[in-house]
């Protein structure tokens, strides 16, 4: 006689997977947080974000309290007609990234460019506040 290990939950999980696996997929929606490269020069903070295939008009960039927020949404549709059927697929992808900048910046003077799938944001640094010596006047 052989011994069989009892696994009470295995059958339940298989049934749940089978149940949800039979639903048709009408749209695929995914979200991602893009990678970023941040560098500094003497006067600027430079942020580069690879966003290949994303329409730059659908990208929102916000800078508030020295935090850079990059977000957007892209929807792609394809349609293939074959002999007996038509297949339509929609893919929706959204992205969001919030980055605390390493120094204080002048957000009003920021510039963004999109070239060959890479978003490049150049943000001028705020001039450092210099200590000011105050003379005490005696009356």
C-alpha atoms as a PDB file:
ATOM      1  CA  UNK A   1       0.000   0.000   0.000  1.00  0.00           C
ATOM      2  CA  UNK A   2       1.447   3.440  -0.974  1.00  0.00           C
ATOM      3  CA  UNK A   3       1.087   6.581   1.081  1.00  0.00           C
ATOM      4  CA  UNK A   4      -0.414   9.640  -0.659  1.00  0.00           C
ATOM      5  CA  UNK A   5       0.248  13.079   0.794  1.00  0.00           C
ATOM      6  CA  UNK A   6      -2.999  14.860   1.650  1.00  0.00           C
ATOM      7  CA  UNK A   7      -3.265  18.332   0.075  1.00  0.00           C
ATOM      8  CA  UNK A   8      -6.740  19.702   0.851  1.00  0.00           C
ATOM      9  CA  UNK A   9      -6.235  23.142  -0.763  1.00  0.00           C
ATOM     10  CA  UNK A  10      -4.678  21.989  -4.015  1.00  0.00           C
ATOM     11  CA  UNK A  11      -8.004  20.968  -5.579  1.00  0.00           C
ATOM     12  CA  UNK A  12      -9.707  24.188  -4.455  1.00  0.00           C
ATOM     13  CA  UNK A  13      -7.022  26.396  -6.039  1.00  0.00           C
ATOM     14  CA  UNK A  14      -7.124  24.371  -9.258  1.00  0.00           C
ATOM     15  CA  UNK A  15     -10.891  24.881  -9.458  1.00  0.00           C
ATOM     16  CA  UNK A  16     -10.568  28.631  -8.884  1.00  0.00           C
ATOM     17  CA  UNK A  17      -7.873  28.873 -11.589  1.00  0.00           C
ATOM     18  CA  UNK A  18     -10.065  26.918 -13.983  1.00  0.00           C
ATOM     19  CA  UNK A  19     -13.064  29.149 -13.215  1.00  0.00           C
ATOM     20  CA  UNK A  20     -11.234  32.447 -13.804  1.00  0.00           C
ATOM     21  CA  UNK A  21      -9.248  31.064 -16.726  1.00  0.00           C
ATOM     22  CA  UNK A  22     -12.456  30.703 -18.751  1.00  0.00           C
ATOM     23  CA  UNK A  23     -13.309  34.410 -18.738  1.00  0.00           C
ATOM     24  CA  UNK A  24     -12.723  36.095 -22.097  1.00  0.00           C
ATOM     25  CA  UNK A  25     -10.128  38.822 -22.106  1.00  0.00           C
ATOM     26  CA  UNK A  26     -11.622  41.843 -23.822  1.00  0.00           C
ATOM     27  CA  UNK A  27      -8.972  44.344 -22.862  1.00  0.00           C
ATOM     28  CA  UNK A  28      -5.544  44.099 -21.389  1.00  0.00           C
ATOM     29  CA  UNK A  29      -4.643  46.836 -18.953  1.00  0.00           C
ATOM     30  CA  UNK A  30      -1.266  47.114 -17.369  1.00  0.00           C
ATOM     31  CA  UNK A  31       0.591  49.689 -15.355  1.00  0.00           C
ATOM     32  CA  UNK A  32       4.274  50.271 -14.921  1.00  0.00           C
ATOM     33  CA  UNK A  33       6.739  52.594 -13.245  1.00  0.00           C
ATOM     34  CA  UNK A  34       9.380  53.609 -15.785  1.00  0.00           C
ATOM     35  CA  UNK A  35      13.057  53.595 -14.884  1.00  0.00           C
ATOM     36  CA  UNK A  36      14.770  56.970 -14.496  1.00  0.00           C
ATOM     37  CA  UNK A  37      18.310  58.283 -14.739  1.00  0.00           C
ATOM     38  CA  UNK A  38      19.025  61.404 -12.701  1.00  0.00           C
ATOM     39  CA  UNK A  39      22.197  63.434 -13.107  1.00  0.00           C
ATOM     40  CA  UNK A  40      23.332  66.912 -12.116  1.00  0.00           C
ATOM     41  CA  UNK A  41      25.433  69.631 -13.636  1.00  0.00           C
ATOM     42  CA  UNK A  42      26.518  72.806 -11.894  1.00  0.00           C
ATOM     43  CA  UNK A  43      23.235  74.504 -12.786  1.00  0.00           C
ATOM     44  CA  UNK A  44      20.685  71.775 -13.675  1.00  0.00           C
ATOM     45  CA  UNK A  45      19.096  68.511 -12.635  1.00  0.00           C
ATOM     46  CA  UNK A  46      18.642  66.213 -15.646  1.00  0.00           C
ATOM     47  CA  UNK A  47      16.094  63.389 -15.604  1.00  0.00           C
ATOM     48  CA  UNK A  48      15.926  60.863 -18.445  1.00  0.00           C
ATOM     49  CA  UNK A  49      13.017  58.427 -18.745  1.00  0.00           C
ATOM     50  CA  UNK A  50      12.727  55.757 -21.460  1.00  0.00           C
ATOM     51  CA  UNK A  51       9.138  55.785 -22.792  1.00  0.00           C
ATOM     52  CA  UNK A  52       9.323  53.991 -26.160  1.00  0.00           C
ATOM     53  CA  UNK A  53       6.082  53.911 -28.112  1.00  0.00           C
ATOM     54  CA  UNK A  54       4.363  56.421 -25.819  1.00  0.00           C
ATOM     55  CA  UNK A  55       2.811  59.501 -27.406  1.00  0.00           C
ATOM     56  CA  UNK A  56       4.595  62.471 -25.760  1.00  0.00           C
ATOM     57  CA  UNK A  57       1.351  64.486 -25.887  1.00  0.00           C
ATOM     58  CA  UNK A  58      -0.144  62.003 -23.408  1.00  0.00           C
ATOM     59  CA  UNK A  59       2.606  62.492 -20.822  1.00  0.00           C
ATOM     60  CA  UNK A  60       1.972  64.822 -17.868  1.00  0.00           C
ATOM     61  CA  UNK A  61       4.915  66.281 -15.959  1.00  0.00           C
ATOM     62  CA  UNK A  62       4.417  68.090 -12.659  1.00  0.00           C
ATOM     63  CA  UNK A  63       7.005  69.528 -10.270  1.00  0.00           C
ATOM     64  CA  UNK A  64       5.836  70.542  -6.830  1.00  0.00           C
ATOM     65  CA  UNK A  65       7.871  70.980  -3.645  1.00  0.00           C
ATOM     66  CA  UNK A  66      10.953  69.539  -5.392  1.00  0.00           C
ATOM     67  CA  UNK A  67       9.103  66.337  -6.296  1.00  0.00           C
ATOM     68  CA  UNK A  68       8.879  65.372  -9.974  1.00  0.00           C
ATOM     69  CA  UNK A  69       5.759  63.457 -11.058  1.00  0.00           C
ATOM     70  CA  UNK A  70       5.624  61.815 -14.485  1.00  0.00           C
ATOM     71  CA  UNK A  71       2.412  60.081 -15.517  1.00  0.00           C
ATOM     72  CA  UNK A  72       0.429  59.151 -18.571  1.00  0.00           C
ATOM     73  CA  UNK A  73      -1.751  56.645 -20.334  1.00  0.00           C
ATOM     74  CA  UNK A  74      -1.470  55.033 -23.738  1.00  0.00           C
ATOM     75  CA  UNK A  75      -4.182  53.074 -25.497  1.00  0.00           C
ATOM     76  CA  UNK A  76      -3.431  50.996 -28.562  1.00  0.00           C
ATOM     77  CA  UNK A  77      -5.947  49.222 -30.746  1.00  0.00           C
ATOM     78  CA  UNK A  78      -5.324  46.695 -33.464  1.00  0.00           C
ATOM     79  CA  UNK A  79      -7.800  45.036 -35.753  1.00  0.00           C
ATOM     80  CA  UNK A  80      -7.168  41.950 -37.859  1.00  0.00           C
ATOM     81  CA  UNK A  81      -9.736  40.717 -40.353  1.00  0.00           C
ATOM     82  CA  UNK A  82      -9.447  37.147 -41.534  1.00  0.00           C
ATOM     83  CA  UNK A  83     -11.712  34.801 -43.510  1.00  0.00           C
ATOM     84  CA  UNK A  84     -14.393  33.974 -40.939  1.00  0.00           C
ATOM     85  CA  UNK A  85     -13.888  36.405 -38.108  1.00  0.00           C
ATOM     86  CA  UNK A  86     -12.657  39.779 -36.959  1.00  0.00           C
ATOM     87  CA  UNK A  87     -10.390  40.064 -33.968  1.00  0.00           C
ATOM     88  CA  UNK A  88      -9.980  43.336 -32.102  1.00  0.00           C
ATOM     89  CA  UNK A  89      -7.537  43.858 -29.282  1.00  0.00           C
ATOM     90  CA  UNK A  90      -7.136  46.850 -26.998  1.00  0.00           C
ATOM     91  CA  UNK A  91      -4.134  47.369 -24.818  1.00  0.00           C
ATOM     92  CA  UNK A  92      -4.144  50.121 -22.246  1.00  0.00           C
ATOM     93  CA  UNK A  93      -1.028  50.933 -20.290  1.00  0.00           C
ATOM     94  CA  UNK A  94      -0.592  53.640 -17.732  1.00  0.00           C
ATOM     95  CA  UNK A  95       2.483  54.749 -15.908  1.00  0.00           C
ATOM     96  CA  UNK A  96       3.255  56.817 -12.848  1.00  0.00           C
ATOM     97  CA  UNK A  97       6.531  57.800 -11.270  1.00  0.00           C
ATOM     98  CA  UNK A  98       7.151  60.176  -8.376  1.00  0.00           C
ATOM     99  CA  UNK A  99      10.746  61.212  -7.710  1.00  0.00           C
ATOM    100  CA  UNK A 100      12.072  63.387  -4.895  1.00  0.00           C
ATOM    101  CA  UNK A 101      14.693  65.577  -6.538  1.00  0.00           C
ATOM    102  CA  UNK A 102      18.119  65.739  -4.866  1.00  0.00           C
ATOM    103  CA  UNK A 103      18.200  69.565  -4.640  1.00  0.00           C
ATOM    104  CA  UNK A 104      15.806  72.492  -4.688  1.00  0.00           C
ATOM    105  CA  UNK A 105      14.817  73.440  -8.230  1.00  0.00           C
ATOM    106  CA  UNK A 106      13.137  76.234 -10.160  1.00  0.00           C
ATOM    107  CA  UNK A 107      10.130  74.338 -11.483  1.00  0.00           C
ATOM    108  CA  UNK A 108       8.843  77.257 -13.587  1.00  0.00           C
ATOM    109  CA  UNK A 109      11.928  77.072 -15.829  1.00  0.00           C
ATOM    110  CA  UNK A 110      11.859  73.307 -16.465  1.00  0.00           C
ATOM    111  CA  UNK A 111      12.137  72.047 -20.044  1.00  0.00           C
ATOM    112  CA  UNK A 112      11.106  68.636 -21.426  1.00  0.00           C
ATOM    113  CA  UNK A 113      12.030  67.053 -24.751  1.00  0.00           C
ATOM    114  CA  UNK A 114      11.120  63.682 -26.270  1.00  0.00           C
ATOM    115  CA  UNK A 115      13.595  62.157 -28.715  1.00  0.00           C
ATOM    116  CA  UNK A 116      13.816  58.558 -29.977  1.00  0.00           C
ATOM    117  CA  UNK A 117      11.675  57.166 -27.157  1.00  0.00           C
ATOM    118  CA  UNK A 118      13.498  58.970 -24.342  1.00  0.00           C
ATOM    119  CA  UNK A 119      11.935  61.786 -22.331  1.00  0.00           C
ATOM    120  CA  UNK A 120      14.582  64.252 -21.106  1.00  0.00           C
ATOM    121  CA  UNK A 121      13.648  66.803 -18.450  1.00  0.00           C
ATOM    122  CA  UNK A 122      16.082  69.590 -17.576  1.00  0.00           C
ATOM    123  CA  UNK A 123      15.287  71.517 -14.394  1.00  0.00           C
ATOM    124  CA  UNK A 124      17.414  74.471 -13.256  1.00  0.00           C
ATOM    125  CA  UNK A 125      18.653  74.376  -9.685  1.00  0.00           C
ATOM    126  CA  UNK A 126      17.728  77.167  -7.284  1.00  0.00           C
ATOM    127  CA  UNK A 127      20.640  79.380  -6.386  1.00  0.00           C
ATOM    128  CA  UNK A 128      21.877  78.447  -2.952  1.00  0.00           C
ATOM    129  CA  UNK A 129      20.838  80.812  -0.222  1.00  0.00           C
ATOM    130  CA  UNK A 130      23.921  82.509   1.093  1.00  0.00           C
ATOM    131  CA  UNK A 131      24.292  83.456   4.714  1.00  0.00           C
ATOM    132  CA  UNK A 132      23.946  87.162   5.222  1.00  0.00           C
ATOM    133  CA  UNK A 133      25.750  88.885   7.999  1.00  0.00           C
ATOM    134  CA  UNK A 134      23.634  91.433   9.834  1.00  0.00           C
ATOM    135  CA  UNK A 135      25.341  94.230  11.683  1.00  0.00           C
ATOM    136  CA  UNK A 136      23.954  95.231  15.041  1.00  0.00           C
ATOM    137  CA  UNK A 137      23.392  98.971  15.353  1.00  0.00           C
ATOM    138  CA  UNK A 138      23.845 100.567  18.745  1.00  0.00           C
ATOM    139  CA  UNK A 139      21.631 103.555  19.627  1.00  0.00           C
END
